[in-house]
Amino acid sequence: TPVTSDTAHIHHFVQRKHGGSARYDIQGTLCSRCHTSVTTQALALCF
């Protein structure tokens, strides 16, 4: 889904507690619906 700078959600595929950081390559763009599904564990993204 096309997103803009205001509607986009930046998701951390590798959380800090699992060794993640603020690097660009472990963050990605998600829309609000997909980001909500990932947060509520209704959608699992393989990284």
All heavy atoms as atom14 arrays in JSON, in Angstrom:
{
  "sequence": "TPVTSDTAHIHHFVQRKHGGSARYDIQGTLCSRCHTSVTTQALALCF",
  "atom14_mask": [
    [1, 1, 1, 1, 1, 1, 1, 0, 0, 0, 0, 0, 0, 0],
    [1, 1, 1, 1, 1, 1, 1, 0, 0, 0, 0, 0, 0, 0],
    [1, 1, 1, 1, 1, 1, 1, 0, 0, 0, 0, 0, 0, 0],
    [1, 1, 1, 1, 1, 1, 1, 0, 0, 0, 0, 0, 0, 0],
    [1, 1, 1, 1, 1, 1, 0, 0, 0, 0, 0, 0, 0, 0],
    [1, 1, 1, 1, 1, 1, 1, 1, 0, 0, 0, 0, 0, 0],
    [1, 1, 1, 1, 1, 1, 1, 0, 0, 0, 0, 0, 0, 0],
    [1, 1, 1, 1, 1, 0, 0, 0, 0, 0, 0, 0, 0, 0],
    [1, 1, 1, 1, 1, 1, 1, 1, 1, 1, 0, 0, 0, 0],
    [1, 1, 1, 1, 1, 1, 1, 1, 0, 0, 0, 0, 0, 0],
    [1, 1, 1, 1, 1, 1, 1, 1, 1, 1, 0, 0, 0, 0],
    [1, 1, 1, 1, 1, 1, 1, 1, 1, 1, 0, 0, 0, 0],
    [1, 1, 1, 1, 1, 1, 1, 1, 1, 1, 1, 0, 0, 0],
    [1, 1, 1, 1, 1, 1, 1, 0, 0, 0, 0, 0, 0, 0],
    [1, 1, 1, 1, 1, 1, 1, 1, 1, 0, 0, 0, 0, 0],
    [1, 1, 1, 1, 1, 1, 1, 1, 1, 1, 1, 0, 0, 0],
    [1, 1, 1, 1, 1, 1, 1, 1, 1, 0, 0, 0, 0, 0],
    [1, 1, 1, 1, 1, 1, 1, 1, 1, 1, 0, 0, 0, 0],
    [1, 1, 1, 1, 0, 0, 0, 0, 0, 0, 0, 0, 0, 0],
    [1, 1, 1, 1, 0, 0, 0, 0, 0, 0, 0, 0, 0, 0],
    [1, 1, 1, 1, 1, 1, 0, 0, 0, 0, 0, 0, 0, 0],
    [1, 1, 1, 1, 1, 0, 0, 0, 0, 0, 0, 0, 0, 0],
    [1, 1, 1, 1, 1, 1, 1, 1, 1, 1, 1, 0, 0, 0],
    [1, 1, 1, 1, 1, 1, 1, 1, 1, 1, 1, 1, 0, 0],
    [1, 1, 1, 1, 1, 1, 1, 1, 0, 0, 0, 0, 0, 0],
    [1, 1, 1, 1, 1, 1, 1, 1, 0, 0, 0, 0, 0, 0],
    [1, 1, 1, 1, 1, 1, 1, 1, 1, 0, 0, 0, 0, 0],
    [1, 1, 1, 1, 0, 0, 0, 0, 0, 0, 0, 0, 0, 0],
    [1, 1, 1, 1, 1, 1, 1, 0, 0, 0, 0, 0, 0, 0],
    [1, 1, 1, 1, 1, 1, 1, 1, 0, 0, 0, 0, 0, 0],
    [1, 1, 1, 1, 1, 1, 0, 0, 0, 0, 0, 0, 0, 0],
    [1, 1, 1, 1, 1, 1, 0, 0, 0, 0, 0, 0, 0, 0],
    [1, 1, 1, 1, 1, 1, 1, 1, 1, 1, 1, 0, 0, 0],
    [1, 1, 1, 1, 1, 1, 0, 0, 0, 0, 0, 0, 0, 0],
    [1, 1, 1, 1, 1, 1, 1, 1, 1, 1, 0, 0, 0, 0],
    [1, 1, 1, 1, 1, 1, 1, 0, 0, 0, 0, 0, 0, 0],
    [1, 1, 1, 1, 1, 1, 0, 0, 0, 0, 0, 0, 0, 0],
    [1, 1, 1, 1, 1, 1, 1, 0, 0, 0, 0, 0, 0, 0],
    [1, 1, 1, 1, 1, 1, 1, 0, 0, 0, 0, 0, 0, 0],
    [1, 1, 1, 1, 1, 1, 1, 0, 0, 0, 0, 0, 0, 0],
    [1, 1, 1, 1, 1, 1, 1, 1, 1, 0, 0, 0, 0, 0],
    [1, 1, 1, 1, 1, 0, 0, 0, 0, 0, 0, 0, 0, 0],
    [1, 1, 1, 1, 1, 1, 1, 1, 0, 0, 0, 0, 0, 0],
    [1, 1, 1, 1, 1, 0, 0, 0, 0, 0, 0, 0, 0, 0],
    [1, 1, 1, 1, 1, 1, 1, 1, 0, 0, 0, 0, 0, 0],
    [1, 1, 1, 1, 1, 1, 0, 0, 0, 0, 0, 0, 0, 0],
    [1, 1, 1, 1, 1, 1, 1, 1, 1, 1, 1, 0, 0, 0]
  ],
  "atom14_positions": [
    [[0.84, -1.2, 0.0], [0.0, 0.0, 0.0], [0.87, 1.25, 0.0], [1.8, 1.35, 0.81], [-0.92, 0.01, 1.23], [-1.7, -1.19, 1.23], [-1.82, 1.23, 1.24], [0.0, 0.0, 0.0], [0.0, 0.0, 0.0], [0.0, 0.0, 0.0], [0.0, 0.0, 0.0], [0.0, 0.0, 0.0], [0.0, 0.0, 0.0], [0.0, 0.0, 0.0]],
    [[0.61, 2.22, -0.9], [1.41, 3.46, -0.88], [1.18, 4.23, 0.43], [0.05, 4.31, 0.94], [0.88, 4.24, -2.09], [0.24, 3.21, -2.97], [-0.33, 2.18, -2.04], [0.0, 0.0, 0.0], [0.0, 0.0, 0.0], [0.0, 0.0, 0.0], [0.0, 0.0, 0.0], [0.0, 0.0, 0.0], [0.0, 0.0, 0.0], [0.0, 0.0, 0.0]],
    [[2.23, 4.75, 0.97], [2.17, 5.52, 2.21], [2.89, 6.84, 2.01], [3.65, 7.02, 1.05], [2.81, 4.73, 3.39], [2.04, 3.47, 3.7], [4.26, 4.39, 3.06], [0.0, 0.0, 0.0], [0.0, 0.0, 0.0], [0.0, 0.0, 0.0], [0.0, 0.0, 0.0], [0.0, 0.0, 0.0], [0.0, 0.0, 0.0], [0.0, 0.0, 0.0]],
    [[2.65, 7.74, 2.91], [3.33, 9.03, 2.92], [4.17, 9.14, 4.18], [4.16, 8.25, 5.04], [2.31, 10.17, 2.85], [1.45, 10.12, 4.01], [1.44, 10.06, 1.59], [0.0, 0.0, 0.0], [0.0, 0.0, 0.0], [0.0, 0.0, 0.0], [0.0, 0.0, 0.0], [0.0, 0.0, 0.0], [0.0, 0.0, 0.0], [0.0, 0.0, 0.0]],
    [[4.86, 10.25, 4.29], [5.7, 10.45, 5.47], [4.88, 10.57, 6.74], [5.36, 10.27, 7.83], [6.56, 11.7, 5.28], [7.35, 11.94, 6.42], [0.0, 0.0, 0.0], [0.0, 0.0, 0.0], [0.0, 0.0, 0.0], [0.0, 0.0, 0.0], [0.0, 0.0, 0.0], [0.0, 0.0, 0.0], [0.0, 0.0, 0.0], [0.0, 0.0, 0.0]],
    [[3.61, 11.0, 6.62], [2.77, 11.17, 7.8], [2.03, 9.89, 8.18], [1.78, 9.64, 9.36], [1.76, 12.3, 7.56], [2.45, 13.64, 7.32], [3.55, 13.83, 7.87], [1.89, 14.47, 6.58], [0.0, 0.0, 0.0], [0.0, 0.0, 0.0], [0.0, 0.0, 0.0], [0.0, 0.0, 0.0], [0.0, 0.0, 0.0], [0.0, 0.0, 0.0]],
    [[1.67, 9.07, 7.18], [0.88, 7.87, 7.47], [1.72, 6.61, 7.63], [1.19, 5.58, 8.03], [-0.14, 7.64, 6.34], [0.56, 7.45, 5.1], [-1.07, 8.84, 6.22], [0.0, 0.0, 0.0], [0.0, 0.0, 0.0], [0.0, 0.0, 0.0], [0.0, 0.0, 0.0], [0.0, 0.0, 0.0], [0.0, 0.0, 0.0], [0.0, 0.0, 0.0]],
    [[3.0, 6.67, 7.3], [3.85, 5.48, 7.36], [4.23, 5.16, 8.8], [4.33, 6.05, 9.66], [5.1, 5.68, 6.52], [0.0, 0.0, 0.0], [0.0, 0.0, 0.0], [0.0, 0.0, 0.0], [0.0, 0.0, 0.0], [0.0, 0.0, 0.0], [0.0, 0.0, 0.0], [0.0, 0.0, 0.0], [0.0, 0.0, 0.0], [0.0, 0.0, 0.0]],
    [[4.44, 3.87, 9.06], [4.9, 3.39, 10.36], [6.25, 2.69, 10.14], [6.36, 1.81, 9.28], [3.9, 2.41, 10.98], [2.64, 3.06, 11.43], [2.3, 3.21, 12.76], [1.6, 3.6, 10.72], [1.13, 3.8, 12.87], [0.67, 4.05, 11.63], [0.0, 0.0, 0.0], [0.0, 0.0, 0.0], [0.0, 0.0, 0.0], [0.0, 0.0, 0.0]],
    [[7.23, 3.08, 10.93], [8.56, 2.46, 10.86], [8.61, 1.35, 11.9], [8.48, 1.59, 13.1], [9.67, 3.5, 11.11], [9.54, 4.65, 10.12], [11.03, 2.85, 10.99], [9.64, 4.24, 8.67], [0.0, 0.0, 0.0], [0.0, 0.0, 0.0], [0.0, 0.0, 0.0], [0.0, 0.0, 0.0], [0.0, 0.0, 0.0], [0.0, 0.0, 0.0]],
    [[8.79, 0.12, 11.42], [8.77, -1.05, 12.3], [10.18, -1.59, 12.49], [10.95, -1.7, 11.53], [7.88, -2.15, 11.69], [7.85, -3.41, 12.49], [7.31, -3.48, 13.76], [8.3, -4.67, 12.2], [7.43, -4.71, 14.22], [8.03, -5.45, 13.3], [0.0, 0.0, 0.0], [0.0, 0.0, 0.0], [0.0, 0.0, 0.0], [0.0, 0.0, 0.0]],
    [[10.52, -1.93, 13.74], [11.8, -2.55, 14.07], [11.63, -4.07, 13.95], [10.97, -4.69, 14.79], [12.24, -2.18, 15.48], [12.64, -0.75, 15.63], [11.73, 0.28, 15.61], [13.86, -0.18, 15.78], [12.36, 1.43, 15.76], [13.66, 1.18, 15.87], [0.0, 0.0, 0.0], [0.0, 0.0, 0.0], [0.0, 0.0, 0.0], [0.0, 0.0, 0.0]],
    [[12.21, -4.66, 12.9], [12.09, -6.1, 12.73], [12.89, -6.86, 13.77], [12.55, -7.99, 14.11], [12.54, -6.49, 11.32], [11.6, -6.02, 10.24], [11.85, -4.87, 9.54], [10.45, -6.73, 9.96], [10.99, -4.43, 8.55], [9.58, -6.31, 8.97], [9.85, -5.15, 8.27], [0.0, 0.0, 0.0], [0.0, 0.0, 0.0], [0.0, 0.0, 0.0]],
    [[13.96, -6.29, 14.25], [14.76, -6.89, 15.32], [14.7, -5.94, 16.51], [15.22, -4.83, 16.45], [16.22, -7.11, 14.89], [17.01, -7.78, 16.01], [16.28, -7.98, 13.63], [0.0, 0.0, 0.0], [0.0, 0.0, 0.0], [0.0, 0.0, 0.0], [0.0, 0.0, 0.0], [0.0, 0.0, 0.0], [0.0, 0.0, 0.0], [0.0, 0.0, 0.0]],
    [[14.02, -6.35, 17.56], [13.86, -5.49, 18.72], [15.18, -5.34, 19.46], [16.1, -6.14, 19.33], [12.8, -6.06, 19.66], [11.43, -6.21, 19.0], [10.4, -6.79, 19.94], [10.68, -7.05, 21.11], [9.2, -7.01, 19.44], [0.0, 0.0, 0.0], [0.0, 0.0, 0.0], [0.0, 0.0, 0.0], [0.0, 0.0, 0.0], [0.0, 0.0, 0.0]],
    [[15.24, -4.27, 20.25], [16.47, -4.01, 20.99], [16.78, -5.12, 22.0], [17.95, -5.42, 22.25], [16.37, -2.66, 21.72], [16.36, -1.47, 20.77], [16.37, -0.17, 21.54], [16.38, 0.98, 20.66], [17.47, 1.53, 20.13], [18.64, 1.02, 20.44], [17.4, 2.55, 19.33], [0.0, 0.0, 0.0], [0.0, 0.0, 0.0], [0.0, 0.0, 0.0]],
    [[15.76, -5.71, 22.58], [16.01, -6.77, 23.55], [16.54, -8.04, 22.89], [17.05, -8.93, 23.56], [14.74, -7.08, 24.33], [13.6, -7.63, 23.48], [12.38, -7.9, 24.34], [11.21, -8.43, 23.51], [10.02, -8.69, 24.36], [0.0, 0.0, 0.0], [0.0, 0.0, 0.0], [0.0, 0.0, 0.0], [0.0, 0.0, 0.0], [0.0, 0.0, 0.0]],
    [[16.41, -8.12, 21.56], [16.93, -9.26, 20.81], [18.19, -8.89, 20.03], [18.55, -9.59, 19.08], [15.87, -9.78, 19.85], [14.66, -10.33, 20.54], [13.39, -10.31, 19.99], [14.51, -10.9, 21.77], [12.53, -10.85, 20.83], [13.19, -11.22, 21.92], [0.0, 0.0, 0.0], [0.0, 0.0, 0.0], [0.0, 0.0, 0.0], [0.0, 0.0, 0.0]],
    [[18.83, -7.79, 20.41], [20.06, -7.39, 19.74], [19.88, -6.36, 18.65], [20.84, -6.08, 17.92], [0.0, 0.0, 0.0], [0.0, 0.0, 0.0], [0.0, 0.0, 0.0], [0.0, 0.0, 0.0], [0.0, 0.0, 0.0], [0.0, 0.0, 0.0], [0.0, 0.0, 0.0], [0.0, 0.0, 0.0], [0.0, 0.0, 0.0], [0.0, 0.0, 0.0]],
    [[18.7, -5.79, 18.49], [18.46, -4.8, 17.46], [18.98, -3.42, 17.86], [19.36, -3.17, 19.0], [0.0, 0.0, 0.0], [0.0, 0.0, 0.0], [0.0, 0.0, 0.0], [0.0, 0.0, 0.0], [0.0, 0.0, 0.0], [0.0, 0.0, 0.0], [0.0, 0.0, 0.0], [0.0, 0.0, 0.0], [0.0, 0.0, 0.0], [0.0, 0.0, 0.0]],
    [[18.99, -2.53, 16.89], [19.45, -1.16, 17.11], [18.7, -0.25, 16.15], [17.7, -0.64, 15.55], [20.97, -1.08, 16.9], [21.3, -1.43, 15.57], [0.0, 0.0, 0.0], [0.0, 0.0, 0.0], [0.0, 0.0, 0.0], [0.0, 0.0, 0.0], [0.0, 0.0, 0.0], [0.0, 0.0, 0.0], [0.0, 0.0, 0.0], [0.0, 0.0, 0.0]],
    [[19.2, 0.97, 15.97], [18.56, 1.95, 15.11], [19.12, 1.9, 13.69], [19.05, 2.9, 12.98], [18.71, 3.35, 15.7], [0.0, 0.0, 0.0], [0.0, 0.0, 0.0], [0.0, 0.0, 0.0], [0.0, 0.0, 0.0], [0.0, 0.0, 0.0], [0.0, 0.0, 0.0], [0.0, 0.0, 0.0], [0.0, 0.0, 0.0], [0.0, 0.0, 0.0]],
    [[19.66, 0.78, 13.27], [20.21, 0.68, 11.92], [19.08, 0.66, 10.89], [17.99, 0.16, 11.14], [21.05, -0.59, 11.79], [22.4, -0.49, 12.44], [23.08, -1.84, 12.52], [23.0, -2.58, 11.26], [23.48, -3.8, 11.11], [24.07, -4.41, 12.12], [23.37, -4.41, 9.95], [0.0, 0.0, 0.0], [0.0, 0.0, 0.0], [0.0, 0.0, 0.0]],
    [[19.4, 1.19, 9.71], [18.41, 1.26, 8.65], [18.01, -0.13, 8.16], [16.85, -0.35, 7.8], [18.96, 2.06, 7.47], [19.13, 3.53, 7.74], [20.24, 4.01, 8.41], [18.18, 4.46, 7.32], [20.41, 5.35, 8.66], [18.34, 5.81, 7.56], [19.46, 6.26, 8.23], [19.62, 7.59, 8.48], [0.0, 0.0, 0.0], [0.0, 0.0, 0.0]],
    [[18.96, -1.06, 8.12], [18.69, -2.33, 7.47], [17.84, -3.27, 8.31], [17.43, -4.32, 7.81], [20.01, -3.01, 7.09], [20.93, -3.14, 8.29], [20.65, -2.49, 9.31], [21.92, -3.89, 8.21], [0.0, 0.0, 0.0], [0.0, 0.0, 0.0], [0.0, 0.0, 0.0], [0.0, 0.0, 0.0], [0.0, 0.0, 0.0], [0.0, 0.0, 0.0]],
    [[17.58, -2.97, 9.57], [16.69, -3.8, 10.38], [15.41, -3.06, 10.71], [14.69, -3.43, 11.62], [17.39, -4.26, 11.67], [17.85, -3.07, 12.5], [18.54, -5.19, 11.36], [18.48, -3.48, 13.82], [0.0, 0.0, 0.0], [0.0, 0.0, 0.0], [0.0, 0.0, 0.0], [0.0, 0.0, 0.0], [0.0, 0.0, 0.0], [0.0, 0.0, 0.0]],
    [[15.1, -2.0, 9.97], [13.85, -1.28, 10.09], [13.18, -1.24, 8.73], [13.85, -1.24, 7.69], [14.08, 0.15, 10.6], [14.64, 0.21, 12.02], [14.84, 1.63, 12.48], [14.59, 2.58, 11.75], [15.28, 1.79, 13.71], [0.0, 0.0, 0.0], [0.0, 0.0, 0.0], [0.0, 0.0, 0.0], [0.0, 0.0, 0.0], [0.0, 0.0, 0.0]],
    [[11.86, -1.21, 8.73], [11.13, -1.22, 7.48], [9.85, -0.43, 7.57], [9.38, -0.08, 8.67], [0.0, 0.0, 0.0], [0.0, 0.0, 0.0], [0.0, 0.0, 0.0], [0.0, 0.0, 0.0], [0.0, 0.0, 0.0], [0.0, 0.0, 0.0], [0.0, 0.0, 0.0], [0.0, 0.0, 0.0], [0.0, 0.0, 0.0], [0.0, 0.0, 0.0]],
    [[9.25, -0.19, 6.4], [8.04, 0.61, 6.3], [6.83, -0.29, 6.27], [6.79, -1.27, 5.5], [8.08, 1.47, 5.02], [9.26, 2.26, 5.01], [6.87, 2.37, 4.95], [0.0, 0.0, 0.0], [0.0, 0.0, 0.0], [0.0, 0.0, 0.0], [0.0, 0.0, 0.0], [0.0, 0.0, 0.0], [0.0, 0.0, 0.0], [0.0, 0.0, 0.0]],
    [[5.85, 0.01, 7.11], [4.57, -0.69, 7.14], [3.44, 0.32, 7.18], [3.62, 1.44, 7.69], [4.47, -1.62, 8.36], [5.42, -2.82, 8.44], [5.19, -3.58, 9.74], [5.25, -3.74, 7.25], [0.0, 0.0, 0.0], [0.0, 0.0, 0.0], [0.0, 0.0, 0.0], [0.0, 0.0, 0.0], [0.0, 0.0, 0.0], [0.0, 0.0, 0.0]],
    [[2.31, -0.07, 6.65], [1.12, 0.78, 6.78], [0.54, 0.61, 8.18], [0.94, -0.27, 8.94], [0.11, 0.44, 5.69], [-0.52, -1.25, 5.79], [0.0, 0.0, 0.0], [0.0, 0.0, 0.0], [0.0, 0.0, 0.0], [0.0, 0.0, 0.0], [0.0, 0.0, 0.0], [0.0, 0.0, 0.0], [0.0, 0.0, 0.0], [0.0, 0.0, 0.0]],
    [[-0.43, 1.44, 8.5], [-1.0, 1.4, 9.84], [-1.71, 0.09, 10.12], [-1.63, -0.45, 11.23], [-1.97, 2.58, 10.02], [-3.01, 2.51, 9.06], [0.0, 0.0, 0.0], [0.0, 0.0, 0.0], [0.0, 0.0, 0.0], [0.0, 0.0, 0.0], [0.0, 0.0, 0.0], [0.0, 0.0, 0.0], [0.0, 0.0, 0.0], [0.0, 0.0, 0.0]],
    [[-2.39, -0.48, 9.11], [-3.12, -1.74, 9.33], [-2.16, -2.9, 9.58], [-2.35, -3.69, 10.52], [-4.01, -2.02, 8.12], [-4.86, -3.28, 8.25], [-5.72, -3.49, 7.03], [-4.9, -3.59, 5.83], [-5.4, -3.72, 4.6], [-6.71, -3.72, 4.42], [-4.58, -3.83, 3.58], [0.0, 0.0, 0.0], [0.0, 0.0, 0.0], [0.0, 0.0, 0.0]],
    [[-1.1, -3.0, 8.75], [-0.14, -4.1, 8.94], [0.66, -3.93, 10.22], [0.96, -4.91, 10.91], [0.79, -4.17, 7.73], [-0.02, -4.62, 6.18], [0.0, 0.0, 0.0], [0.0, 0.0, 0.0], [0.0, 0.0, 0.0], [0.0, 0.0, 0.0], [0.0, 0.0, 0.0], [0.0, 0.0, 0.0], [0.0, 0.0, 0.0], [0.0, 0.0, 0.0]],
    [[0.97, -2.69, 10.57], [1.74, -2.47, 11.8], [0.91, -2.83, 13.02], [1.43, -3.38, 14.0], [2.2, -1.02, 11.87], [3.2, -0.76, 12.95], [2.89, -0.09, 14.1], [4.51, -1.12, 13.05], [3.97, -0.02, 14.87], [4.96, -0.64, 14.27], [0.0, 0.0, 0.0], [0.0, 0.0, 0.0], [0.0, 0.0, 0.0], [0.0, 0.0, 0.0]],
    [[-0.39, -2.55, 12.98], [-1.26, -2.93, 14.09], [-1.37, -4.45, 14.19], [-1.37, -5.01, 15.29], [-2.64, -2.31, 13.9], [-2.53, -0.89, 13.81], [-3.56, -2.66, 15.06], [0.0, 0.0, 0.0], [0.0, 0.0, 0.0], [0.0, 0.0, 0.0], [0.0, 0.0, 0.0], [0.0, 0.0, 0.0], [0.0, 0.0, 0.0], [0.0, 0.0, 0.0]],
    [[-1.43, -5.13, 13.03], [-1.52, -6.59, 13.06], [-0.23, -7.21, 13.61], [-0.27, -8.2, 14.33], [-1.78, -7.11, 11.64], [-2.99, -6.58, 11.12], [0.0, 0.0, 0.0], [0.0, 0.0, 0.0], [0.0, 0.0, 0.0], [0.0, 0.0, 0.0], [0.0, 0.0, 0.0], [0.0, 0.0, 0.0], [0.0, 0.0, 0.0], [0.0, 0.0, 0.0]],
    [[0.92, -6.62, 13.28], [2.17, -7.13, 13.82], [2.26, -6.88, 15.31], [2.72, -7.74, 16.08], [3.36, -6.48, 13.07], [4.67, -6.86, 13.74], [3.38, -6.92, 11.62], [0.0, 0.0, 0.0], [0.0, 0.0, 0.0], [0.0, 0.0, 0.0], [0.0, 0.0, 0.0], [0.0, 0.0, 0.0], [0.0, 0.0, 0.0], [0.0, 0.0, 0.0]],
    [[1.81, -5.71, 15.75], [1.88, -5.39, 17.18], [0.99, -6.3, 18.0], [1.36, -6.73, 19.11], [1.49, -3.92, 17.39], [2.31, -3.08, 16.58], [1.65, -3.52, 18.85], [0.0, 0.0, 0.0], [0.0, 0.0, 0.0], [0.0, 0.0, 0.0], [0.0, 0.0, 0.0], [0.0, 0.0, 0.0], [0.0, 0.0, 0.0], [0.0, 0.0, 0.0]],
    [[-0.21, -6.6, 17.5], [-1.13, -7.49, 18.21], [-0.85, -8.96, 17.94], [-1.64, -9.82, 18.36], [-2.57, -7.16, 17.8], [-2.7, -7.29, 16.38], [-2.94, -5.76, 18.22], [0.0, 0.0, 0.0], [0.0, 0.0, 0.0], [0.0, 0.0, 0.0], [0.0, 0.0, 0.0], [0.0, 0.0, 0.0], [0.0, 0.0, 0.0], [0.0, 0.0, 0.0]],
    [[0.24, -9.26, 17.22], [0.65, -10.63, 16.9], [-0.37, -11.37, 16.05], [-0.39, -12.61, 16.02], [0.93, -11.43, 18.17], [2.07, -10.87, 19.0], [2.38, -11.7, 20.23], [1.69, -12.68, 20.51], [3.43, -11.34, 20.95], [0.0, 0.0, 0.0], [0.0, 0.0, 0.0], [0.0, 0.0, 0.0], [0.0, 0.0, 0.0], [0.0, 0.0, 0.0]],
    [[-1.21, -10.63, 15.34], [-2.1, -11.26, 14.37], [-1.39, -11.54, 13.06], [-1.84, -12.36, 12.26], [-3.32, -10.36, 14.12], [0.0, 0.0, 0.0], [0.0, 0.0, 0.0], [0.0, 0.0, 0.0], [0.0, 0.0, 0.0], [0.0, 0.0, 0.0], [0.0, 0.0, 0.0], [0.0, 0.0, 0.0], [0.0, 0.0, 0.0], [0.0, 0.0, 0.0]],
    [[-0.27, -10.86, 12.82], [0.53, -11.04, 11.62], [1.98, -11.23, 12.03], [2.52, -10.45, 12.82], [0.39, -9.82, 10.69], [1.27, -9.8, 9.44], [0.89, -10.95, 8.51], [1.15, -8.47, 8.72], [0.0, 0.0, 0.0], [0.0, 0.0, 0.0], [0.0, 0.0, 0.0], [0.0, 0.0, 0.0], [0.0, 0.0, 0.0], [0.0, 0.0, 0.0]],
    [[2.59, -12.28, 11.53], [3.99, -12.57, 11.83], [4.81, -12.4, 10.56], [4.53, -13.06, 9.54], [4.14, -13.99, 12.38], [0.0, 0.0, 0.0], [0.0, 0.0, 0.0], [0.0, 0.0, 0.0], [0.0, 0.0, 0.0], [0.0, 0.0, 0.0], [0.0, 0.0, 0.0], [0.0, 0.0, 0.0], [0.0, 0.0, 0.0], [0.0, 0.0, 0.0]],
    [[5.78, -11.52, 10.6], [6.65, -11.26, 9.47], [7.98, -11.95, 9.71], [8.61, -11.78, 10.77], [6.86, -9.75, 9.27], [5.61, -8.94, 8.96], [5.96, -7.46, 8.82], [4.96, -9.44, 7.68], [0.0, 0.0, 0.0], [0.0, 0.0, 0.0], [0.0, 0.0, 0.0], [0.0, 0.0, 0.0], [0.0, 0.0, 0.0], [0.0, 0.0, 0.0]],
    [[8.43, -12.74, 8.75], [9.71, -13.44, 8.85], [10.81, -12.52, 8.34], [10.72, -12.0, 7.22], [9.68, -14.73, 8.03], [8.47, -15.94, 8.6], [0.0, 0.0, 0.0], [0.0, 0.0, 0.0], [0.0, 0.0, 0.0], [0.0, 0.0, 0.0], [0.0, 0.0, 0.0], [0.0, 0.0, 0.0], [0.0, 0.0, 0.0], [0.0, 0.0, 0.0]],
    [[11.82, -12.33, 9.15], [12.93, -11.45, 8.81], [14.2, -12.26, 8.78], [14.57, -12.9, 9.77], [13.04, -10.31, 9.85], [14.13, -9.32, 9.55], [13.97, -8.38, 8.56], [15.31, -9.34, 10.26], [14.97, -7.47, 8.28], [16.32, -8.44, 10.0], [16.14, -7.5, 9.0], [0.0, 0.0, 0.0], [0.0, 0.0, 0.0], [0.0, 0.0, 0.0]]
  ]
}
